């Protein structure tokens, strides 16, 4: 993705640049939302695997279900990257990562 930004003439900016534009509370709120989305994604991915196994067990094609799974996996990767960026933003502010348990 970074290559895409360079292609369109956008300069990559350090995480600290973005962190300074948001307050810690806003970043922590977004971090919790990202963690919630990751937990939701894990459940969706697990369910999609179950669907694929059921289709294949019953002799049905699973091509479309596998395409849905690929989309879910890609979305999950994006959520994980977003979470990691938010953690880096908090670190750039000199704030430790919040101690709120994941999924809480």
PDB file of N, CA and C in Angstrom:
ATOM      1  N   UNK A   1       0.813  -1.203   0.000  1.00  0.00           N
ATOM      2  CA  UNK A   1       0.000   0.000   0.000  1.00  0.00           C
ATOM      3  C   UNK A   1       0.856   1.266   0.000  1.00  0.00           C
ATOM      4  N   UNK A   2       1.989   1.214   0.680  1.00  0.00           N
ATOM      5  CA  UNK A   2       2.841   2.395   0.718  1.00  0.00           C
ATOM      6  C   UNK A   2       3.258   2.784  -0.692  1.00  0.00           C
ATOM      7  N   UNK A   3       3.486   1.776  -1.531  1.00  0.00           N
ATOM      8  CA  UNK A   3       3.825   2.053  -2.912  1.00  0.00           C
ATOM      9  C   UNK A   3       2.708   2.780  -3.631  1.00  0.00           C
ATOM     10  N   UNK A   4       1.475   2.460  -3.292  1.00  0.00           N
ATOM     11  CA  UNK A   4       0.331   3.133  -3.906  1.00  0.00           C
ATOM     12  C   UNK A   4       0.349   4.618  -3.574  1.00  0.00           C
ATOM     13  N   UNK A   5       0.663   4.953  -2.338  1.00  0.00           N
ATOM     14  CA  UNK A   5       0.714   6.369  -1.941  1.00  0.00           C
ATOM     15  C   UNK A   5       1.777   7.104  -2.730  1.00  0.00           C
ATOM     16  N   UNK A   6       2.947   6.476  -2.868  1.00  0.00           N
ATOM     17  CA  UNK A   6       4.036   7.108  -3.605  1.00  0.00           C
ATOM     18  C   UNK A   6       3.622   7.298  -5.061  1.00  0.00           C
ATOM     19  N   UNK A   7       2.902   6.333  -5.597  1.00  0.00           N
ATOM     20  CA  UNK A   7       2.443   6.411  -6.983  1.00  0.00           C
ATOM     21  C   UNK A   7       1.567   7.642  -7.206  1.00  0.00           C
ATOM     22  N   UNK A   8       0.769   7.985  -6.228  1.00  0.00           N
ATOM     23  CA  UNK A   8      -0.138   9.129  -6.364  1.00  0.00           C
ATOM     24  C   UNK A   8       0.463  10.430  -5.841  1.00  0.00           C
ATOM     25  N   UNK A   9       1.740  10.402  -5.502  1.00  0.00           N
ATOM     26  CA  UNK A   9       2.417  11.622  -5.104  1.00  0.00           C
ATOM     27  C   UNK A   9       2.273  11.990  -3.635  1.00  0.00           C
ATOM     28  N   UNK A  10       1.779  11.071  -2.823  1.00  0.00           N
ATOM     29  CA  UNK A  10       1.658  11.344  -1.397  1.00  0.00           C
ATOM     30  C   UNK A  10       2.942  10.942  -0.705  1.00  0.00           C
ATOM     31  N   UNK A  11       3.452  11.827   0.123  1.00  0.00           N
ATOM     32  CA  UNK A  11       4.650  11.498   0.890  1.00  0.00           C
ATOM     33  C   UNK A  11       4.236  10.796   2.172  1.00  0.00           C
ATOM     34  N   UNK A  12       4.951   9.753   2.490  1.00  0.00           N
ATOM     35  CA  UNK A  12       4.679   9.052   3.745  1.00  0.00           C
ATOM     36  C   UNK A  12       5.080   9.960   4.899  1.00  0.00           C
ATOM     37  N   UNK A  13       4.215  10.062   5.870  1.00  0.00           N
ATOM     38  CA  UNK A  13       4.508  10.886   7.034  1.00  0.00           C
ATOM     39  C   UNK A  13       4.714   9.992   8.235  1.00  0.00           C
ATOM     40  N   UNK A  14       5.573  10.438   9.157  1.00  0.00           N
ATOM     41  CA  UNK A  14       5.786   9.625  10.345  1.00  0.00           C
ATOM     42  C   UNK A  14       4.512   9.532  11.181  1.00  0.00           C
ATOM     43  N   UNK A  15       4.371   8.415  11.876  1.00  0.00           N
ATOM     44  CA  UNK A  15       3.209   8.182  12.739  1.00  0.00           C
ATOM     45  C   UNK A  15       3.038   9.339  13.720  1.00  0.00           C
ATOM     46  N   UNK A  16       4.143   9.873  14.226  1.00  0.00           N
ATOM     47  CA  UNK A  16       4.072  10.957  15.213  1.00  0.00           C
ATOM     48  C   UNK A  16       3.315  12.165  14.661  1.00  0.00           C
ATOM     49  N   UNK A  17       3.415  12.404  13.358  1.00  0.00           N
ATOM     50  CA  UNK A  17       2.691  13.524  12.741  1.00  0.00           C
ATOM     51  C   UNK A  17       1.189  13.377  12.958  1.00  0.00           C
ATOM     52  N   UNK A  18       0.675  12.181  12.727  1.00  0.00           N
ATOM     53  CA  UNK A  18      -0.755  11.935  12.887  1.00  0.00           C
ATOM     54  C   UNK A  18      -1.145  11.880  14.359  1.00  0.00           C
ATOM     55  N   UNK A  19      -0.259  11.331  15.167  1.00  0.00           N
ATOM     56  CA  UNK A  19      -0.548  11.215  16.599  1.00  0.00           C
ATOM     57  C   UNK A  19      -0.744  12.597  17.222  1.00  0.00           C
ATOM     58  N   UNK A  20       0.038  13.566  16.794  1.00  0.00           N
ATOM     59  CA  UNK A  20      -0.073  14.916  17.368  1.00  0.00           C
ATOM     60  C   UNK A  20      -1.397  15.577  17.004  1.00  0.00           C
ATOM     61  N   UNK A  21      -2.025  15.135  15.920  1.00  0.00           N
ATOM     62  CA  UNK A  21      -3.285  15.734  15.484  1.00  0.00           C
ATOM     63  C   UNK A  21      -4.490  15.174  16.245  1.00  0.00           C
ATOM     64  N   UNK A  22      -4.291  14.101  16.983  1.00  0.00           N
ATOM     65  CA  UNK A  22      -5.386  13.488  17.732  1.00  0.00           C
ATOM     66  C   UNK A  22      -4.992  13.433  19.202  1.00  0.00           C
ATOM     67  N   UNK A  23      -5.948  13.546  20.073  1.00  0.00           N
ATOM     68  CA  UNK A  23      -5.606  13.401  21.474  1.00  0.00           C
ATOM     69  C   UNK A  23      -5.602  11.926  21.863  1.00  0.00           C
ATOM     70  N   UNK A  24      -4.960  11.637  22.968  1.00  0.00           N
ATOM     71  CA  UNK A  24      -4.787  10.262  23.412  1.00  0.00           C
ATOM     72  C   UNK A  24      -6.119   9.552  23.583  1.00  0.00           C
ATOM     73  N   UNK A  25      -7.109  10.219  24.140  1.00  0.00           N
ATOM     74  CA  UNK A  25      -8.410   9.591  24.373  1.00  0.00           C
ATOM     75  C   UNK A  25      -9.054   9.146  23.055  1.00  0.00           C
ATOM     76  N   UNK A  26      -8.929   9.973  22.030  1.00  0.00           N
ATOM     77  CA  UNK A  26      -9.500   9.620  20.725  1.00  0.00           C
ATOM     78  C   UNK A  26      -8.782   8.412  20.134  1.00  0.00           C
ATOM     79  N   UNK A  27      -7.470   8.368  20.273  1.00  0.00           N
ATOM     80  CA  UNK A  27      -6.706   7.231  19.754  1.00  0.00           C
ATOM     81  C   UNK A  27      -7.069   5.969  20.527  1.00  0.00           C
ATOM     82  N   UNK A  28      -7.172   6.083  21.849  1.00  0.00           N
ATOM     83  CA  UNK A  28      -7.535   4.917  22.652  1.00  0.00           C
ATOM     84  C   UNK A  28      -8.932   4.412  22.299  1.00  0.00           C
ATOM     85  N   UNK A  29      -9.853   5.322  22.023  1.00  0.00           N
ATOM     86  CA  UNK A  29     -11.206   4.927  21.621  1.00  0.00           C
ATOM     87  C   UNK A  29     -11.157   4.177  20.289  1.00  0.00           C
ATOM     88  N   UNK A  30     -10.407   4.715  19.343  1.00  0.00           N
ATOM     89  CA  UNK A  30     -10.273   4.043  18.046  1.00  0.00           C
ATOM     90  C   UNK A  30      -9.582   2.696  18.201  1.00  0.00           C
ATOM     91  N   UNK A  31      -8.619   2.613  19.120  1.00  0.00           N
ATOM     92  CA  UNK A  31      -7.932   1.345  19.357  1.00  0.00           C
ATOM     93  C   UNK A  31      -8.908   0.294  19.878  1.00  0.00           C
ATOM     94  N   UNK A  32      -9.764   0.683  20.793  1.00  0.00           N
ATOM     95  CA  UNK A  32     -10.750  -0.266  21.308  1.00  0.00           C
ATOM     96  C   UNK A  32     -11.716  -0.701  20.206  1.00  0.00           C
ATOM     97  N   UNK A  33     -12.126   0.244  19.374  1.00  0.00           N
ATOM     98  CA  UNK A  33     -13.006  -0.093  18.250  1.00  0.00           C
ATOM     99  C   UNK A  33     -12.309  -1.059  17.292  1.00  0.00           C
ATOM    100  N   UNK A  34     -11.022  -0.836  17.047  1.00  0.00           N
ATOM    101  CA  UNK A  34     -10.262  -1.731  16.171  1.00  0.00           C
ATOM    102  C   UNK A  34     -10.190  -3.126  16.781  1.00  0.00           C
ATOM    103  N   UNK A  35      -9.966  -3.200  18.076  1.00  0.00           N
ATOM    104  CA  UNK A  35      -9.917  -4.503  18.748  1.00  0.00           C
ATOM    105  C   UNK A  35     -11.277  -5.204  18.681  1.00  0.00           C
ATOM    106  N   UNK A  36     -12.332  -4.437  18.819  1.00  0.00           N
ATOM    107  CA  UNK A  36     -13.676  -5.020  18.698  1.00  0.00           C
ATOM    108  C   UNK A  36     -13.898  -5.589  17.298  1.00  0.00           C
ATOM    109  N   UNK A  37     -13.457  -4.846  16.282  1.00  0.00           N
ATOM    110  CA  UNK A  37     -13.598  -5.312  14.904  1.00  0.00           C
ATOM    111  C   UNK A  37     -12.761  -6.569  14.658  1.00  0.00           C
ATOM    112  N   UNK A  38     -11.592  -6.632  15.259  1.00  0.00           N
ATOM    113  CA  UNK A  38     -10.742  -7.818  15.115  1.00  0.00           C
ATOM    114  C   UNK A  38     -11.431  -9.035  15.733  1.00  0.00           C
ATOM    115  N   UNK A  39     -12.000  -8.856  16.913  1.00  0.00           N
ATOM    116  CA  UNK A  39     -12.713  -9.966  17.564  1.00  0.00           C
ATOM    117  C   UNK A  39     -13.905 -10.413  16.715  1.00  0.00           C
ATOM    118  N   UNK A  40     -14.627  -9.457  16.182  1.00  0.00           N
ATOM    119  CA  UNK A  40     -15.767  -9.771  15.306  1.00  0.00           C
ATOM    120  C   UNK A  40     -15.285 -10.505  14.060  1.00  0.00           C
ATOM    121  N   UNK A  41     -14.183 -10.054  13.495  1.00  0.00           N
ATOM    122  CA  UNK A  41     -13.617 -10.698  12.315  1.00  0.00           C
ATOM    123  C   UNK A  41     -13.204 -12.137  12.590  1.00  0.00           C
ATOM    124  N   UNK A  42     -12.638 -12.378  13.760  1.00  0.00           N
ATOM    125  CA  UNK A  42     -12.257 -13.746  14.123  1.00  0.00           C
ATOM    126  C   UNK A  42     -13.477 -14.658  14.148  1.00  0.00           C
ATOM    127  N   UNK A  43     -14.567 -14.157  14.697  1.00  0.00           N
ATOM    128  CA  UNK A  43     -15.796 -14.957  14.744  1.00  0.00           C
ATOM    129  C   UNK A  43     -16.331 -15.214  13.333  1.00  0.00           C
ATOM    130  N   UNK A  44     -16.306 -14.183  12.486  1.00  0.00           N
ATOM    131  CA  UNK A  44     -16.802 -14.341  11.113  1.00  0.00           C
ATOM    132  C   UNK A  44     -15.947 -15.328  10.324  1.00  0.00           C
ATOM    133  N   UNK A  45     -14.639 -15.255  10.482  1.00  0.00           N
ATOM    134  CA  UNK A  45     -13.735 -16.157   9.781  1.00  0.00           C
ATOM    135  C   UNK A  45     -13.967 -17.593  10.239  1.00  0.00           C
ATOM    136  N   UNK A  46     -14.110 -17.781  11.524  1.00  0.00           N
ATOM    137  CA  UNK A  46     -14.371 -19.118  12.056  1.00  0.00           C
ATOM    138  C   UNK A  46     -15.670 -19.679  11.492  1.00  0.00           C
ATOM    139  N   UNK A  47     -16.707 -18.860  11.471  1.00  0.00           N
ATOM    140  CA  UNK A  47     -17.999 -19.285  10.934  1.00  0.00           C
ATOM    141  C   UNK A  47     -17.891 -19.600   9.439  1.00  0.00           C
ATOM    142  N   UNK A  48     -17.122 -18.808   8.709  1.00  0.00           N
ATOM    143  CA  UNK A  48     -16.979 -19.049   7.280  1.00  0.00           C
ATOM    144  C   UNK A  48     -16.267 -20.379   7.024  1.00  0.00           C
ATOM    145  N   UNK A  49     -15.265 -20.712   7.827  1.00  0.00           N
ATOM    146  CA  UNK A  49     -14.619 -22.017   7.705  1.00  0.00           C
ATOM    147  C   UNK A  49     -15.629 -23.130   7.949  1.00  0.00           C
ATOM    148  N   UNK A  50     -16.483 -22.945   8.943  1.00  0.00           N
ATOM    149  CA  UNK A  50     -17.521 -23.942   9.225  1.00  0.00           C
ATOM    150  C   UNK A  50     -18.441 -24.125   8.020  1.00  0.00           C
ATOM    151  N   UNK A  51     -18.807 -23.025   7.390  1.00  0.00           N
ATOM    152  CA  UNK A  51     -19.678 -23.079   6.210  1.00  0.00           C
ATOM    153  C   UNK A  51     -18.991 -23.847   5.086  1.00  0.00           C
ATOM    154  N   UNK A  52     -17.721 -23.565   4.860  1.00  0.00           N
ATOM    155  CA  UNK A  52     -16.974 -24.250   3.803  1.00  0.00           C
ATOM    156  C   UNK A  52     -16.925 -25.751   4.077  1.00  0.00           C
ATOM    157  N   UNK A  53     -16.627 -26.111   5.310  1.00  0.00           N
ATOM    158  CA  UNK A  53     -16.555 -27.535   5.657  1.00  0.00           C
ATOM    159  C   UNK A  53     -17.913 -28.218   5.474  1.00  0.00           C
ATOM    160  N   UNK A  54     -18.966 -27.537   5.863  1.00  0.00           N
ATOM    161  CA  UNK A  54     -20.310 -28.111   5.714  1.00  0.00           C
ATOM    162  C   UNK A  54     -20.667 -28.283   4.237  1.00  0.00           C
ATOM    163  N   UNK A  55     -20.379 -27.287   3.427  1.00  0.00           N
ATOM    164  CA  UNK A  55     -20.656 -27.388   1.991  1.00  0.00           C
ATOM    165  C   UNK A  55     -19.906 -28.567   1.375  1.00  0.00           C
ATOM    166  N   UNK A  56     -18.623 -28.638   1.684  1.00  0.00           N
ATOM    167  CA  UNK A  56     -17.803 -29.696   1.088  1.00  0.00           C
ATOM    168  C   UNK A  56     -18.211 -31.076   1.607  1.00  0.00           C
ATOM    169  N   UNK A  57     -18.540 -31.171   2.877  1.00  0.00           N
ATOM    170  CA  UNK A  57     -18.990 -32.443   3.455  1.00  0.00           C
ATOM    171  C   UNK A  57     -20.254 -32.945   2.763  1.00  0.00           C
ATOM    172  N   UNK A  58     -21.130 -31.999   2.422  1.00  0.00           N
ATOM    173  CA  UNK A  58     -22.398 -32.359   1.788  1.00  0.00           C
ATOM    174  C   UNK A  58     -22.288 -32.452   0.261  1.00  0.00           C
ATOM    175  N   UNK A  59     -21.063 -32.332  -0.271  1.00  0.00           N
ATOM    176  CA  UNK A  59     -20.853 -32.499  -1.699  1.00  0.00           C
ATOM    177  C   UNK A  59     -21.150 -31.278  -2.542  1.00  0.00           C
ATOM    178  N   UNK A  60     -21.242 -30.105  -1.924  1.00  0.00           N
ATOM    179  CA  UNK A  60     -21.528 -28.873  -2.668  1.00  0.00           C
ATOM    180  C   UNK A  60     -20.235 -28.136  -2.999  1.00  0.00           C
ATOM    181  N   UNK A  61     -20.309 -27.293  -3.997  1.00  0.00           N
ATOM    182  CA  UNK A  61     -19.172 -26.440  -4.346  1.00  0.00           C
ATOM    183  C   UNK A  61     -18.972 -25.392  -3.257  1.00  0.00           C
ATOM    184  N   UNK A  62     -17.716 -25.065  -3.015  1.00  0.00           N
ATOM    185  CA  UNK A  62     -17.411 -24.073  -1.970  1.00  0.00           C
ATOM    186  C   UNK A  62     -16.664 -22.868  -2.534  1.00  0.00           C
ATOM    187  N   UNK A  63     -16.641 -22.732  -3.860  1.00  0.00           N
ATOM    188  CA  UNK A  63     -15.881 -21.640  -4.488  1.00  0.00           C
ATOM    189  C   UNK A  63     -16.296 -20.263  -3.969  1.00  0.00           C
ATOM    190  N   UNK A  64     -17.583 -20.003  -3.975  1.00  0.00           N
ATOM    191  CA  UNK A  64     -18.059 -18.693  -3.530  1.00  0.00           C
ATOM    192  C   UNK A  64     -17.770 -18.487  -2.044  1.00  0.00           C
ATOM    193  N   UNK A  65     -17.985 -19.522  -1.246  1.00  0.00           N
ATOM    194  CA  UNK A  65     -17.712 -19.420   0.188  1.00  0.00           C
ATOM    195  C   UNK A  65     -16.229 -19.155   0.436  1.00  0.00           C
ATOM    196  N   UNK A  66     -15.371 -19.732  -0.388  1.00  0.00           N
ATOM    197  CA  UNK A  66     -13.928 -19.493  -0.247  1.00  0.00           C
ATOM    198  C   UNK A  66     -13.560 -18.070  -0.666  1.00  0.00           C
ATOM    199  N   UNK A  67     -14.264 -17.526  -1.645  1.00  0.00           N
ATOM    200  CA  UNK A  67     -14.029 -16.129  -2.033  1.00  0.00           C
ATOM    201  C   UNK A  67     -14.439 -15.187  -0.899  1.00  0.00           C
ATOM    202  N   UNK A  68     -15.557 -15.504  -0.255  1.00  0.00           N
ATOM    203  CA  UNK A  68     -15.998 -14.708   0.900  1.00  0.00           C
ATOM    204  C   UNK A  68     -14.937 -14.793   1.999  1.00  0.00           C
ATOM    205  N   UNK A  69     -14.417 -15.998   2.231  1.00  0.00           N
ATOM    206  CA  UNK A  69     -13.368 -16.179   3.240  1.00  0.00           C
ATOM    207  C   UNK A  69     -12.139 -15.334   2.907  1.00  0.00           C
ATOM    208  N   UNK A  70     -11.745 -15.315   1.650  1.00  0.00           N
ATOM    209  CA  UNK A  70     -10.585 -14.513   1.256  1.00  0.00           C
ATOM    210  C   UNK A  70     -10.816 -13.032   1.547  1.00  0.00           C
ATOM    211  N   UNK A  71     -12.027 -12.574   1.296  1.00  0.00           N
ATOM    212  CA  UNK A  71     -12.359 -11.179   1.596  1.00  0.00           C
ATOM    213  C   UNK A  71     -12.307 -10.917   3.094  1.00  0.00           C
ATOM    214  N   UNK A  72     -12.846 -11.839   3.881  1.00  0.00           N
ATOM    215  CA  UNK A  72     -12.811 -11.702   5.341  1.00  0.00           C
ATOM    216  C   UNK A  72     -11.374 -11.672   5.847  1.00  0.00           C
ATOM    217  N   UNK A  73     -10.529 -12.519   5.303  1.00  0.00           N
ATOM    218  CA  UNK A  73      -9.127 -12.561   5.726  1.00  0.00           C
ATOM    219  C   UNK A  73      -8.404 -11.268   5.365  1.00  0.00           C
ATOM    220  N   UNK A  74      -8.677 -10.728   4.194  1.00  0.00           N
ATOM    221  CA  UNK A  74      -8.052  -9.466   3.790  1.00  0.00           C
ATOM    222  C   UNK A  74      -8.518  -8.321   4.693  1.00  0.00           C
ATOM    223  N   UNK A  75      -9.805  -8.296   4.966  1.00  0.00           N
ATOM    224  CA  UNK A  75     -10.344  -7.257   5.853  1.00  0.00           C
ATOM    225  C   UNK A  75      -9.735  -7.374   7.242  1.00  0.00           C
ATOM    226  N   UNK A  76      -9.576  -8.602   7.714  1.00  0.00           N
ATOM    227  CA  UNK A  76      -8.981  -8.815   9.038  1.00  0.00           C
ATOM    228  C   UNK A  76      -7.544  -8.296   9.064  1.00  0.00           C
ATOM    229  N   UNK A  77      -6.800  -8.535   8.006  1.00  0.00           N
ATOM    230  CA  UNK A  77      -5.429  -8.042   7.924  1.00  0.00           C
ATOM    231  C   UNK A  77      -5.404  -6.513   8.000  1.00  0.00           C
ATOM    232  N   UNK A  78      -6.345  -5.867   7.333  1.00  0.00           N
ATOM    233  CA  UNK A  78      -6.431  -4.406   7.381  1.00  0.00           C
ATOM    234  C   UNK A  78      -6.766  -3.930   8.796  1.00  0.00           C
ATOM    235  N   UNK A  79      -7.644  -4.639   9.477  1.00  0.00           N
ATOM    236  CA  UNK A  79      -7.977  -4.272  10.860  1.00  0.00           C
ATOM    237  C   UNK A  79      -6.755  -4.422  11.764  1.00  0.00           C
ATOM    238  N   UNK A  80      -5.980  -5.479  11.564  1.00  0.00           N
ATOM    239  CA  UNK A  80      -4.769  -5.689  12.368  1.00  0.00           C
ATOM    240  C   UNK A  80      -3.747  -4.581  12.102  1.00  0.00           C
ATOM    241  N   UNK A  81      -3.585  -4.197  10.847  1.00  0.00           N
ATOM    242  CA  UNK A  81      -2.667  -3.110  10.503  1.00  0.00           C
ATOM    243  C   UNK A  81      -3.124  -1.794  11.141  1.00  0.00           C
ATOM    244  N   UNK A  82      -4.428  -1.535  11.104  1.00  0.00           N
ATOM    245  CA  UNK A  82      -4.967  -0.312  11.710  1.00  0.00           C
ATOM    246  C   UNK A  82      -4.693  -0.311  13.213  1.00  0.00           C
ATOM    247  N   UNK A  83      -4.947  -1.457  13.867  1.00  0.00           N
ATOM    248  CA  UNK A  83      -4.669  -1.561  15.298  1.00  0.00           C
ATOM    249  C   UNK A  83      -3.199  -1.258  15.583  1.00  0.00           C
ATOM    250  N   UNK A  84      -2.310  -1.837  14.787  1.00  0.00           N
ATOM    251  CA  UNK A  84      -0.881  -1.628  15.000  1.00  0.00           C
ATOM    252  C   UNK A  84      -0.494  -0.165  14.810  1.00  0.00           C
ATOM    253  N   UNK A  85      -1.099   0.505  13.839  1.00  0.00           N
ATOM    254  CA  UNK A  85      -0.826   1.931  13.630  1.00  0.00           C
ATOM    255  C   UNK A  85      -1.272   2.751  14.836  1.00  0.00           C
ATOM    256  N   UNK A  86      -2.426   2.414  15.391  1.00  0.00           N
ATOM    257  CA  UNK A  86      -2.926   3.145  16.555  1.00  0.00           C
ATOM    258  C   UNK A  86      -2.013   2.945  17.759  1.00  0.00           C
ATOM    259  N   UNK A  87      -1.513   1.739  17.933  1.00  0.00           N
ATOM    260  CA  UNK A  87      -0.572   1.475  19.025  1.00  0.00           C
ATOM    261  C   UNK A  87       0.686   2.321  18.835  1.00  0.00           C
ATOM    262  N   UNK A  88       1.180   2.397  17.600  1.00  0.00           N
ATOM    263  CA  UNK A  88       2.361   3.218  17.320  1.00  0.00           C
ATOM    264  C   UNK A  88       2.082   4.691  17.583  1.00  0.00           C
ATOM    265  N   UNK A  89       0.869   5.131  17.283  1.00  0.00           N
ATOM    266  CA  UNK A  89       0.513   6.529  17.551  1.00  0.00           C
ATOM    267  C   UNK A  89       0.559   6.809  19.046  1.00  0.00           C
ATOM    268  N   UNK A  90       0.042   5.878  19.837  1.00  0.00           N
ATOM    269  CA  UNK A  90       0.093   6.062  21.294  1.00  0.00           C
ATOM    270  C   UNK A  90       1.537   6.071  21.783  1.00  0.00           C
ATOM    271  N   UNK A  91       2.351   5.190  21.227  1.00  0.00           N
ATOM    272  CA  UNK A  91       3.766   5.174  21.592  1.00  0.00           C
ATOM    273  C   UNK A  91       4.445   6.482  21.229  1.00  0.00           C
ATOM    274  N   UNK A  92       4.079   7.053  20.082  1.00  0.00           N
ATOM    275  CA  UNK A  92       4.662   8.319  19.645  1.00  0.00           C
ATOM    276  C   UNK A  92       4.294   9.461  20.587  1.00  0.00           C
ATOM    277  N   UNK A  93       3.147   9.330  21.228  1.00  0.00           N
ATOM    278  CA  UNK A  93       2.731  10.340  22.206  1.00  0.00           C
ATOM    279  C   UNK A  93       3.385  10.115  23.555  1.00  0.00           C
ATOM    280  N   UNK A  94       4.134   9.041  23.665  1.00  0.00           N
ATOM    281  CA  UNK A  94       4.772   8.733  24.934  1.00  0.00           C
ATOM    282  C   UNK A  94       3.819   8.050  25.887  1.00  0.00           C
ATOM    283  N   UNK A  95       2.745   7.522  25.359  1.00  0.00           N
ATOM    284  CA  UNK A  95       1.743   6.864  26.176  1.00  0.00           C
ATOM    285  C   UNK A  95       1.880   5.368  26.023  1.00  0.00           C
ATOM    286  N   UNK A  96       1.856   4.651  27.117  1.00  0.00           N
ATOM    287  CA  UNK A  96       1.847   3.201  26.983  1.00  0.00           C
ATOM    288  C   UNK A  96       0.514   2.748  26.413  1.00  0.00           C
ATOM    289  N   UNK A  97       0.512   1.580  25.819  1.00  0.00           N
ATOM    290  CA  UNK A  97      -0.718   1.015  25.285  1.00  0.00           C
ATOM    291  C   UNK A  97      -1.694   0.847  26.435  1.00  0.00           C
ATOM    292  N   UNK A  98      -2.979   1.154  26.231  1.00  0.00           N
ATOM    293  CA  UNK A  98      -3.959   1.012  27.301  1.00  0.00           C
ATOM    294  C   UNK A  98      -4.009  -0.436  27.792  1.00  0.00           C
ATOM    295  N   UNK A  99      -4.346  -0.597  29.057  1.00  0.00           N
ATOM    296  CA  UNK A  99      -4.372  -1.916  29.658  1.00  0.00           C
ATOM    297  C   UNK A  99      -5.725  -2.583  29.554  1.00  0.00           C
ATOM    298  N   UNK A 100      -6.663  -1.977  28.838  1.00  0.00           N
ATOM    299  CA  UNK A 100      -7.996  -2.565  28.659  1.00  0.00           C
ATOM    300  C   UNK A 100      -7.847  -3.911  27.987  1.00  0.00           C
ATOM    301  N   UNK A 101      -8.414  -4.971  28.556  1.00  0.00           N
ATOM    302  CA  UNK A 101      -8.282  -6.287  27.941  1.00  0.00           C
ATOM    303  C   UNK A 101      -8.920  -6.320  26.568  1.00  0.00           C
ATOM    304  N   UNK A 102      -8.330  -7.110  25.663  1.00  0.00           N
ATOM    305  CA  UNK A 102      -8.890  -7.228  24.317  1.00  0.00           C
ATOM    306  C   UNK A 102     -10.263  -7.819  24.387  1.00  0.00           C
ATOM    307  N   UNK A 103     -11.154  -7.297  23.558  1.00  0.00           N
ATOM    308  CA  UNK A 103     -12.503  -7.790  23.509  1.00  0.00           C
ATOM    309  C   UNK A 103     -13.408  -7.242  24.606  1.00  0.00           C
ATOM    310  N   UNK A 104     -12.846  -6.428  25.505  1.00  0.00           N
ATOM    311  CA  UNK A 104     -13.669  -5.879  26.596  1.00  0.00           C
ATOM    312  C   UNK A 104     -14.343  -4.599  26.161  1.00  0.00           C
TER     313      UNK A 104
END
